[in-house]
Amino acid sequence: MSKIPKAALSLKQFMLRQEVLKLYRTIFRTIRQVPDASSRRELRDWARADFRNNRNQTDELAIKMLLQHGTRNLKELQTSLELSGTGPTSSSDVKQS
């Protein structure tokens, strides 16, 4: 049995897939910083559902738009964490003071 996929991805598709995976990992790393367990669980469920709902998307433009939307949501979450004092930037600021 060969592990080579039936239809190999083009370079563009491969690069786009890598961007999506990077965003997915970054979102989950950021969610780990949320202090409240129930909020963390809710955010994890939301992120998984969002990615799962769009996993069969093949239109390049649609994928790029979804990436932009996900990146905006990630930045909002990171900003909220920083403002609440639980984000990575705020903890490094405290150490310097």
PDB file of N, CA and C in Angstrom:
ATOM      1  N   MET A   1       0.835  -1.190   0.000  1.00  0.00           N
ATOM      2  CA  MET A   1       0.000   0.000   0.000  1.00  0.00           C
ATOM      3  C   MET A   1       0.873   1.243   0.000  1.00  0.00           C
ATOM      4  N   SER A   2       0.603   2.114  -0.923  1.00  0.00           N
ATOM      5  CA  SER A   2       1.355   3.355  -1.046  1.00  0.00           C
ATOM      6  C   SER A   2       0.720   4.442  -0.191  1.00  0.00           C
ATOM      7  N   LYS A   3       1.560   5.251   0.437  1.00  0.00           N
ATOM      8  CA  LYS A   3       1.061   6.351   1.246  1.00  0.00           C
ATOM      9  C   LYS A   3       0.997   7.651   0.456  1.00  0.00           C
ATOM     10  N   ILE A   4       1.320   7.587  -0.807  1.00  0.00           N
ATOM     11  CA  ILE A   4       1.264   8.764  -1.659  1.00  0.00           C
ATOM     12  C   ILE A   4      -0.204   9.058  -1.972  1.00  0.00           C
ATOM     13  N   PRO A   5      -0.636  10.321  -1.747  1.00  0.00           N
ATOM     14  CA  PRO A   5      -2.035  10.642  -2.023  1.00  0.00           C
ATOM     15  C   PRO A   5      -2.363  10.474  -3.507  1.00  0.00           C
ATOM     16  N   LYS A   6      -3.621  10.186  -3.775  1.00  0.00           N
ATOM     17  CA  LYS A   6      -4.051   9.971  -5.163  1.00  0.00           C
ATOM     18  C   LYS A   6      -3.824  11.209  -6.023  1.00  0.00           C
ATOM     19  N   ALA A   7      -4.168  12.359  -5.479  1.00  0.00           N
ATOM     20  CA  ALA A   7      -3.976  13.606  -6.216  1.00  0.00           C
ATOM     21  C   ALA A   7      -2.989  14.475  -5.431  1.00  0.00           C
ATOM     22  N   ALA A   8      -1.787  14.616  -5.951  1.00  0.00           N
ATOM     23  CA  ALA A   8      -0.776  15.418  -5.272  1.00  0.00           C
ATOM     24  C   ALA A   8      -1.162  16.893  -5.341  1.00  0.00           C
ATOM     25  N   LEU A   9      -0.818  17.623  -4.287  1.00  0.00           N
ATOM     26  CA  LEU A   9      -1.126  19.053  -4.238  1.00  0.00           C
ATOM     27  C   LEU A   9      -0.156  19.841  -5.111  1.00  0.00           C
ATOM     28  N   SER A  10      -0.660  20.903  -5.703  1.00  0.00           N
ATOM     29  CA  SER A  10       0.230  21.808  -6.418  1.00  0.00           C
ATOM     30  C   SER A  10       1.019  22.601  -5.380  1.00  0.00           C
ATOM     31  N   LEU A  11       2.050  23.292  -5.802  1.00  0.00           N
ATOM     32  CA  LEU A  11       2.860  24.074  -4.872  1.00  0.00           C
ATOM     33  C   LEU A  11       2.005  25.132  -4.172  1.00  0.00           C
ATOM     34  N   LYS A  12       1.127  25.789  -4.911  1.00  0.00           N
ATOM     35  CA  LYS A  12       0.247  26.812  -4.333  1.00  0.00           C
ATOM     36  C   LYS A  12      -0.661  26.210  -3.262  1.00  0.00           C
ATOM     37  N   GLN A  13      -1.244  25.057  -3.581  1.00  0.00           N
ATOM     38  CA  GLN A  13      -2.131  24.392  -2.628  1.00  0.00           C
ATOM     39  C   GLN A  13      -1.352  23.946  -1.388  1.00  0.00           C
ATOM     40  N   PHE A  14      -0.149  23.447  -1.600  1.00  0.00           N
ATOM     41  CA  PHE A  14       0.689  23.010  -0.485  1.00  0.00           C
ATOM     42  C   PHE A  14       1.015  24.182   0.437  1.00  0.00           C
ATOM     43  N   MET A  15       1.391  25.314  -0.155  1.00  0.00           N
ATOM     44  CA  MET A  15       1.736  26.504   0.629  1.00  0.00           C
ATOM     45  C   MET A  15       0.522  27.012   1.408  1.00  0.00           C
ATOM     46  N   LEU A  16      -0.623  27.006   0.771  1.00  0.00           N
ATOM     47  CA  LEU A  16      -1.860  27.438   1.424  1.00  0.00           C
ATOM     48  C   LEU A  16      -2.195  26.508   2.585  1.00  0.00           C
ATOM     49  N   ARG A  17      -2.024  25.214   2.367  1.00  0.00           N
ATOM     50  CA  ARG A  17      -2.293  24.230   3.414  1.00  0.00           C
ATOM     51  C   ARG A  17      -1.376  24.470   4.609  1.00  0.00           C
ATOM     52  N   GLN A  18      -0.112  24.788   4.347  1.00  0.00           N
ATOM     53  CA  GLN A  18       0.831  25.062   5.428  1.00  0.00           C
ATOM     54  C   GLN A  18       0.419  26.297   6.227  1.00  0.00           C
ATOM     55  N   GLU A  19      -0.089  27.318   5.534  1.00  0.00           N
ATOM     56  CA  GLU A  19      -0.572  28.520   6.221  1.00  0.00           C
ATOM     57  C   GLU A  19      -1.744  28.191   7.125  1.00  0.00           C
ATOM     58  N   VAL A  20      -2.660  27.366   6.627  1.00  0.00           N
ATOM     59  CA  VAL A  20      -3.833  26.975   7.411  1.00  0.00           C
ATOM     60  C   VAL A  20      -3.399  26.200   8.650  1.00  0.00           C
ATOM     61  N   LEU A  21      -2.478  25.259   8.490  1.00  0.00           N
ATOM     62  CA  LEU A  21      -2.005  24.474   9.626  1.00  0.00           C
ATOM     63  C   LEU A  21      -1.274  25.349  10.648  1.00  0.00           C
ATOM     64  N   LYS A  22      -0.503  26.314  10.161  1.00  0.00           N
ATOM     65  CA  LYS A  22       0.206  27.228  11.059  1.00  0.00           C
ATOM     66  C   LYS A  22      -0.795  28.057  11.868  1.00  0.00           C
ATOM     67  N   LEU A  23      -1.834  28.549  11.205  1.00  0.00           N
ATOM     68  CA  LEU A  23      -2.866  29.318  11.902  1.00  0.00           C
ATOM     69  C   LEU A  23      -3.560  28.443  12.941  1.00  0.00           C
ATOM     70  N   TYR A  24      -3.896  27.215  12.576  1.00  0.00           N
ATOM     71  CA  TYR A  24      -4.557  26.278  13.493  1.00  0.00           C
ATOM     72  C   TYR A  24      -3.707  26.070  14.752  1.00  0.00           C
ATOM     73  N   ARG A  25      -2.425  25.805  14.558  1.00  0.00           N
ATOM     74  CA  ARG A  25      -1.541  25.579  15.707  1.00  0.00           C
ATOM     75  C   ARG A  25      -1.414  26.834  16.565  1.00  0.00           C
ATOM     76  N   THR A  26      -1.285  27.985  15.931  1.00  0.00           N
ATOM     77  CA  THR A  26      -1.142  29.239  16.672  1.00  0.00           C
ATOM     78  C   THR A  26      -2.400  29.547  17.477  1.00  0.00           C
ATOM     79  N   ILE A  27      -3.559  29.297  16.888  1.00  0.00           N
ATOM     80  CA  ILE A  27      -4.816  29.518  17.609  1.00  0.00           C
ATOM     81  C   ILE A  27      -4.864  28.644  18.860  1.00  0.00           C
ATOM     82  N   PHE A  28      -4.506  27.376  18.727  1.00  0.00           N
ATOM     83  CA  PHE A  28      -4.567  26.483  19.877  1.00  0.00           C
ATOM     84  C   PHE A  28      -3.505  26.797  20.927  1.00  0.00           C
ATOM     85  N   ARG A  29      -2.344  27.274  20.501  1.00  0.00           N
ATOM     86  CA  ARG A  29      -1.333  27.712  21.477  1.00  0.00           C
ATOM     87  C   ARG A  29      -1.833  28.930  22.247  1.00  0.00           C
ATOM     88  N   THR A  30      -2.511  29.822  21.557  1.00  0.00           N
ATOM     89  CA  THR A  30      -3.040  31.025  22.196  1.00  0.00           C
ATOM     90  C   THR A  30      -4.181  30.670  23.141  1.00  0.00           C
ATOM     91  N   ILE A  31      -5.038  29.752  22.726  1.00  0.00           N
ATOM     92  CA  ILE A  31      -6.167  29.339  23.575  1.00  0.00           C
ATOM     93  C   ILE A  31      -5.658  28.752  24.891  1.00  0.00           C
ATOM     94  N   ARG A  32      -4.515  28.081  24.869  1.00  0.00           N
ATOM     95  CA  ARG A  32      -3.956  27.518  26.109  1.00  0.00           C
ATOM     96  C   ARG A  32      -3.670  28.582  27.163  1.00  0.00           C
ATOM     97  N   GLN A  33      -3.520  29.834  26.737  1.00  0.00           N
ATOM     98  CA  GLN A  33      -3.212  30.916  27.674  1.00  0.00           C
ATOM     99  C   GLN A  33      -4.453  31.478  28.351  1.00  0.00           C
ATOM    100  N   VAL A  34      -5.643  31.091  27.885  1.00  0.00           N
ATOM    101  CA  VAL A  34      -6.890  31.583  28.486  1.00  0.00           C
ATOM    102  C   VAL A  34      -6.997  30.982  29.891  1.00  0.00           C
ATOM    103  N   PRO A  35      -7.145  31.835  30.913  1.00  0.00           N
ATOM    104  CA  PRO A  35      -7.123  31.327  32.288  1.00  0.00           C
ATOM    105  C   PRO A  35      -8.367  30.511  32.687  1.00  0.00           C
ATOM    106  N   ASP A  36      -9.530  30.875  32.203  1.00  0.00           N
ATOM    107  CA  ASP A  36     -10.770  30.209  32.593  1.00  0.00           C
ATOM    108  C   ASP A  36     -10.965  28.917  31.797  1.00  0.00           C
ATOM    109  N   ALA A  37     -11.120  27.799  32.492  1.00  0.00           N
ATOM    110  CA  ALA A  37     -11.222  26.491  31.842  1.00  0.00           C
ATOM    111  C   ALA A  37     -12.441  26.386  30.933  1.00  0.00           C
ATOM    112  N   SER A  38     -13.572  26.913  31.356  1.00  0.00           N
ATOM    113  CA  SER A  38     -14.776  26.800  30.517  1.00  0.00           C
ATOM    114  C   SER A  38     -14.651  27.659  29.261  1.00  0.00           C
ATOM    115  N   SER A  39     -14.042  28.825  29.385  1.00  0.00           N
ATOM    116  CA  SER A  39     -13.811  29.674  28.209  1.00  0.00           C
ATOM    117  C   SER A  39     -12.832  28.999  27.261  1.00  0.00           C
ATOM    118  N   ARG A  40     -11.806  28.380  27.835  1.00  0.00           N
ATOM    119  CA  ARG A  40     -10.820  27.666  27.028  1.00  0.00           C
ATOM    120  C   ARG A  40     -11.487  26.539  26.240  1.00  0.00           C
ATOM    121  N   ARG A  41     -12.344  25.777  26.900  1.00  0.00           N
ATOM    122  CA  ARG A  41     -13.052  24.678  26.247  1.00  0.00           C
ATOM    123  C   ARG A  41     -13.965  25.196  25.143  1.00  0.00           C
ATOM    124  N   GLU A  42     -14.675  26.284  25.426  1.00  0.00           N
ATOM    125  CA  GLU A  42     -15.582  26.883  24.440  1.00  0.00           C
ATOM    126  C   GLU A  42     -14.805  27.375  23.211  1.00  0.00           C
ATOM    127  N   LEU A  43     -13.682  28.033  23.431  1.00  0.00           N
ATOM    128  CA  LEU A  43     -12.853  28.519  22.325  1.00  0.00           C
ATOM    129  C   LEU A  43     -12.281  27.363  21.505  1.00  0.00           C
ATOM    130  N   ARG A  44     -11.848  26.306  22.189  1.00  0.00           N
ATOM    131  CA  ARG A  44     -11.326  25.132  21.490  1.00  0.00           C
ATOM    132  C   ARG A  44     -12.396  24.494  20.615  1.00  0.00           C
ATOM    133  N   ASP A  45     -13.594  24.345  21.179  1.00  0.00           N
ATOM    134  CA  ASP A  45     -14.701  23.752  20.413  1.00  0.00           C
ATOM    135  C   ASP A  45     -15.049  24.612  19.209  1.00  0.00           C
ATOM    136  N   TRP A  46     -15.068  25.936  19.414  1.00  0.00           N
ATOM    137  CA  TRP A  46     -15.383  26.858  18.324  1.00  0.00           C
ATOM    138  C   TRP A  46     -14.343  26.746  17.203  1.00  0.00           C
ATOM    139  N   ALA A  47     -13.061  26.744  17.581  1.00  0.00           N
ATOM    140  CA  ALA A  47     -11.994  26.687  16.582  1.00  0.00           C
ATOM    141  C   ALA A  47     -12.042  25.365  15.814  1.00  0.00           C
ATOM    142  N   ARG A  48     -12.207  24.273  16.536  1.00  0.00           N
ATOM    143  CA  ARG A  48     -12.283  22.965  15.860  1.00  0.00           C
ATOM    144  C   ARG A  48     -13.455  22.906  14.899  1.00  0.00           C
ATOM    145  N   ALA A  49     -14.609  23.389  15.340  1.00  0.00           N
ATOM    146  CA  ALA A  49     -15.803  23.359  14.490  1.00  0.00           C
ATOM    147  C   ALA A  49     -15.602  24.229  13.251  1.00  0.00           C
ATOM    148  N   ASP A  50     -15.008  25.394  13.444  1.00  0.00           N
ATOM    149  CA  ASP A  50     -14.788  26.308  12.320  1.00  0.00           C
ATOM    150  C   ASP A  50     -13.867  25.682  11.271  1.00  0.00           C
ATOM    151  N   PHE A  51     -12.774  25.078  11.728  1.00  0.00           N
ATOM    152  CA  PHE A  51     -11.850  24.438  10.796  1.00  0.00           C
ATOM    153  C   PHE A  51     -12.494  23.208  10.161  1.00  0.00           C
ATOM    154  N   ARG A  52     -13.230  22.444  10.962  1.00  0.00           N
ATOM    155  CA  ARG A  52     -13.874  21.232  10.435  1.00  0.00           C
ATOM    156  C   ARG A  52     -14.918  21.578   9.377  1.00  0.00           C
ATOM    157  N   ASN A  53     -15.675  22.649   9.606  1.00  0.00           N
ATOM    158  CA  ASN A  53     -16.708  23.057   8.652  1.00  0.00           C
ATOM    159  C   ASN A  53     -16.132  23.492   7.308  1.00  0.00           C
ATOM    160  N   ASN A  54     -14.892  23.938   7.322  1.00  0.00           N
ATOM    161  CA  ASN A  54     -14.278  24.440   6.091  1.00  0.00           C
ATOM    162  C   ASN A  54     -13.169  23.541   5.567  1.00  0.00           C
ATOM    163  N   ARG A  55     -13.051  22.351   6.091  1.00  0.00           N
ATOM    164  CA  ARG A  55     -11.932  21.483   5.710  1.00  0.00           C
ATOM    165  C   ARG A  55     -11.989  21.003   4.264  1.00  0.00           C
ATOM    166  N   ASN A  56     -13.158  20.958   3.670  1.00  0.00           N
ATOM    167  CA  ASN A  56     -13.275  20.503   2.284  1.00  0.00           C
ATOM    168  C   ASN A  56     -13.285  21.657   1.277  1.00  0.00           C
ATOM    169  N   GLN A  57     -12.992  22.845   1.753  1.00  0.00           N
ATOM    170  CA  GLN A  57     -12.955  24.017   0.882  1.00  0.00           C
ATOM    171  C   GLN A  57     -11.782  23.875  -0.101  1.00  0.00           C
ATOM    172  N   THR A  58     -12.044  24.066  -1.375  1.00  0.00           N
ATOM    173  CA  THR A  58     -10.982  23.934  -2.372  1.00  0.00           C
ATOM    174  C   THR A  58     -10.725  25.225  -3.137  1.00  0.00           C
ATOM    175  N   ASP A  59     -11.636  26.184  -3.041  1.00  0.00           N
ATOM    176  CA  ASP A  59     -11.476  27.445  -3.749  1.00  0.00           C
ATOM    177  C   ASP A  59     -10.376  28.276  -3.087  1.00  0.00           C
ATOM    178  N   GLU A  60      -9.344  28.585  -3.849  1.00  0.00           N
ATOM    179  CA  GLU A  60      -8.184  29.292  -3.310  1.00  0.00           C
ATOM    180  C   GLU A  60      -8.561  30.642  -2.709  1.00  0.00           C
ATOM    181  N   LEU A  61      -9.397  31.392  -3.392  1.00  0.00           N
ATOM    182  CA  LEU A  61      -9.805  32.702  -2.892  1.00  0.00           C
ATOM    183  C   LEU A  61     -10.581  32.575  -1.584  1.00  0.00           C
ATOM    184  N   ALA A  62     -11.472  31.606  -1.509  1.00  0.00           N
ATOM    185  CA  ALA A  62     -12.252  31.386  -0.290  1.00  0.00           C
ATOM    186  C   ALA A  62     -11.332  31.006   0.875  1.00  0.00           C
ATOM    187  N   ILE A  63     -10.337  30.181   0.600  1.00  0.00           N
ATOM    188  CA  ILE A  63      -9.395  29.763   1.648  1.00  0.00           C
ATOM    189  C   ILE A  63      -8.604  30.967   2.144  1.00  0.00           C
ATOM    190  N   LYS A  64      -8.172  31.814   1.224  1.00  0.00           N
ATOM    191  CA  LYS A  64      -7.427  33.020   1.626  1.00  0.00           C
ATOM    192  C   LYS A  64      -8.297  33.945   2.481  1.00  0.00           C
ATOM    193  N   MET A  65      -9.561  34.071   2.120  1.00  0.00           N
ATOM    194  CA  MET A  65     -10.477  34.906   2.909  1.00  0.00           C
ATOM    195  C   MET A  65     -10.689  34.303   4.301  1.00  0.00           C
ATOM    196  N   LEU A  66     -10.823  32.986   4.363  1.00  0.00           N
ATOM    197  CA  LEU A  66     -10.974  32.319   5.654  1.00  0.00           C
ATOM    198  C   LEU A  66      -9.713  32.479   6.503  1.00  0.00           C
ATOM    199  N   LEU A  67      -8.549  32.441   5.867  1.00  0.00           N
ATOM    200  CA  LEU A  67      -7.293  32.664   6.585  1.00  0.00           C
ATOM    201  C   LEU A  67      -7.245  34.071   7.181  1.00  0.00           C
ATOM    202  N   GLN A  68      -7.659  35.060   6.395  1.00  0.00           N
ATOM    203  CA  GLN A  68      -7.679  36.435   6.897  1.00  0.00           C
ATOM    204  C   GLN A  68      -8.642  36.571   8.073  1.00  0.00           C
ATOM    205  N   HIS A  69      -9.804  35.952   7.945  1.00  0.00           N
ATOM    206  CA  HIS A  69     -10.800  35.989   9.017  1.00  0.00           C
ATOM    207  C   HIS A  69     -10.240  35.329  10.284  1.00  0.00           C
ATOM    208  N   GLY A  70      -9.607  34.169  10.118  1.00  0.00           N
ATOM    209  CA  GLY A  70      -9.013  33.474  11.259  1.00  0.00           C
ATOM    210  C   GLY A  70      -7.888  34.262  11.898  1.00  0.00           C
ATOM    211  N   THR A  71      -7.079  34.911  11.085  1.00  0.00           N
ATOM    212  CA  THR A  71      -5.972  35.716  11.602  1.00  0.00           C
ATOM    213  C   THR A  71      -6.504  36.910  12.394  1.00  0.00           C
ATOM    214  N   ARG A  72      -7.561  37.538  11.894  1.00  0.00           N
ATOM    215  CA  ARG A  72      -8.196  38.654  12.628  1.00  0.00           C
ATOM    216  C   ARG A  72      -8.723  38.178  13.977  1.00  0.00           C
ATOM    217  N   ASN A  73      -9.399  37.028  13.987  1.00  0.00           N
ATOM    218  CA  ASN A  73      -9.918  36.493  15.246  1.00  0.00           C
ATOM    219  C   ASN A  73      -8.792  36.154  16.215  1.00  0.00           C
ATOM    220  N   LEU A  74      -7.702  35.612  15.695  1.00  0.00           N
ATOM    221  CA  LEU A  74      -6.547  35.294  16.530  1.00  0.00           C
ATOM    222  C   LEU A  74      -5.973  36.564  17.150  1.00  0.00           C
ATOM    223  N   LYS A  75      -5.833  37.611  16.354  1.00  0.00           N
ATOM    224  CA  LYS A  75      -5.286  38.877  16.876  1.00  0.00           C
ATOM    225  C   LYS A  75      -6.197  39.469  17.942  1.00  0.00           C
ATOM    226  N   GLU A  76      -7.509  39.353  17.745  1.00  0.00           N
ATOM    227  CA  GLU A  76      -8.455  39.833  18.759  1.00  0.00           C
ATOM    228  C   GLU A  76      -8.277  39.066  20.069  1.00  0.00           C
ATOM    229  N   LEU A  77      -8.134  37.758  19.973  1.00  0.00           N
ATOM    230  CA  LEU A  77      -7.937  36.938  21.167  1.00  0.00           C
ATOM    231  C   LEU A  77      -6.622  37.304  21.850  1.00  0.00           C
ATOM    232  N   GLN A  78      -5.556  37.460  21.068  1.00  0.00           N
ATOM    233  CA  GLN A  78      -4.259  37.820  21.644  1.00  0.00           C
ATOM    234  C   GLN A  78      -4.324  39.183  22.324  1.00  0.00           C
ATOM    235  N   THR A  79      -5.008  40.131  21.703  1.00  0.00           N
ATOM    236  CA  THR A  79      -5.151  41.463  22.290  1.00  0.00           C
ATOM    237  C   THR A  79      -5.933  41.386  23.593  1.00  0.00           C
ATOM    238  N   SER A  80      -6.997  40.612  23.610  1.00  0.00           N
ATOM    239  CA  SER A  80      -7.792  40.449  24.830  1.00  0.00           C
ATOM    240  C   SER A  80      -6.953  39.846  25.947  1.00  0.00           C
ATOM    241  N   LEU A  81      -6.146  38.858  25.619  1.00  0.00           N
ATOM    242  CA  LEU A  81      -5.288  38.238  26.627  1.00  0.00           C
ATOM    243  C   LEU A  81      -4.246  39.216  27.151  1.00  0.00           C
ATOM    244  N   GLU A  82      -3.691  40.020  26.243  1.00  0.00           N
ATOM    245  CA  GLU A  82      -2.697  41.013  26.671  1.00  0.00           C
ATOM    246  C   GLU A  82      -3.332  42.056  27.579  1.00  0.00           C
ATOM    247  N   LEU A  83      -4.535  42.508  27.228  1.00  0.00           N
ATOM    248  CA  LEU A  83      -5.217  43.511  28.042  1.00  0.00           C
ATOM    249  C   LEU A  83      -5.615  42.963  29.409  1.00  0.00           C
ATOM    250  N   SER A  84      -5.906  41.672  29.464  1.00  0.00           N
ATOM    251  CA  SER A  84      -6.307  41.065  30.737  1.00  0.00           C
ATOM    252  C   SER A  84      -5.096  40.703  31.601  1.00  0.00           C
ATOM    253  N   GLY A  85      -3.913  40.823  31.027  1.00  0.00           N
ATOM    254  CA  GLY A  85      -2.709  40.541  31.796  1.00  0.00           C
ATOM    255  C   GLY A  85      -2.265  39.095  31.738  1.00  0.00           C
ATOM    256  N   THR A  86      -2.856  38.291  30.853  1.00  0.00           N
ATOM    257  CA  THR A  86      -2.472  36.883  30.778  1.00  0.00           C
ATOM    258  C   THR A  86      -1.717  36.559  29.497  1.00  0.00           C
ATOM    259  N   GLY A  87      -1.584  37.521  28.598  1.00  0.00           N
ATOM    260  CA  GLY A  87      -0.896  37.285  27.327  1.00  0.00           C
ATOM    261  C   GLY A  87       0.607  37.312  27.494  1.00  0.00           C
ATOM    262  N   PRO A  88       1.346  36.827  26.500  1.00  0.00           N
ATOM    263  CA  PRO A  88       2.804  36.757  26.582  1.00  0.00           C
ATOM    264  C   PRO A  88       3.472  38.122  26.645  1.00  0.00           C
ATOM    265  N   THR A  89       2.918  39.121  25.957  1.00  0.00           N
ATOM    266  CA  THR A  89       3.547  40.445  25.934  1.00  0.00           C
ATOM    267  C   THR A  89       3.470  41.099  27.305  1.00  0.00           C
ATOM    268  N   SER A  90       2.326  40.981  27.961  1.00  0.00           N
ATOM    269  CA  SER A  90       2.154  41.637  29.248  1.00  0.00           C
ATOM    270  C   SER A  90       3.054  41.026  30.309  1.00  0.00           C
ATOM    271  N   SER A  91       3.271  39.710  30.278  1.00  0.00           N
ATOM    272  CA  SER A  91       4.133  39.079  31.271  1.00  0.00           C
ATOM    273  C   SER A  91       5.582  39.492  31.086  1.00  0.00           C
ATOM    274  N   SER A  92       6.021  39.714  29.850  1.00  0.00           N
ATOM    275  CA  SER A  92       7.389  40.159  29.626  1.00  0.00           C
ATOM    276  C   SER A  92       7.550  41.620  30.037  1.00  0.00           C
ATOM    277  N   ASP A  93       6.468  42.426  29.877  1.00  0.00           N
ATOM    278  CA  ASP A  93       6.518  43.818  30.322  1.00  0.00           C
ATOM    279  C   ASP A  93       6.671  43.899  31.828  1.00  0.00           C
ATOM    280  N   VAL A  94       6.014  43.018  32.555  1.00  0.00           N
ATOM    281  CA  VAL A  94       6.072  43.014  33.997  1.00  0.00           C
ATOM    282  C   VAL A  94       7.482  42.680  34.460  1.00  0.00           C
ATOM    283  N   LYS A  95       8.152  41.743  33.807  1.00  0.00           N
ATOM    284  CA  LYS A  95       9.487  41.351  34.183  1.00  0.00           C
ATOM    285  C   LYS A  95      10.488  42.479  33.992  1.00  0.00           C
ATOM    286  N   GLN A  96      10.254  43.334  32.974  1.00  0.00           N
ATOM    287  CA  GLN A  96      11.180  44.425  32.700  1.00  0.00           C
ATOM    288  C   GLN A  96      11.025  45.569  33.683  1.00  0.00           C
ATOM    289  N   SER A  97       9.862  45.740  34.285  1.00  0.00           N
ATOM    290  CA  SER A  97       9.599  46.858  35.194  1.00  0.00           C
ATOM    291  C   SER A  97      10.348  46.736  36.492  1.00  0.00           C
TER     292      SER A  97
END
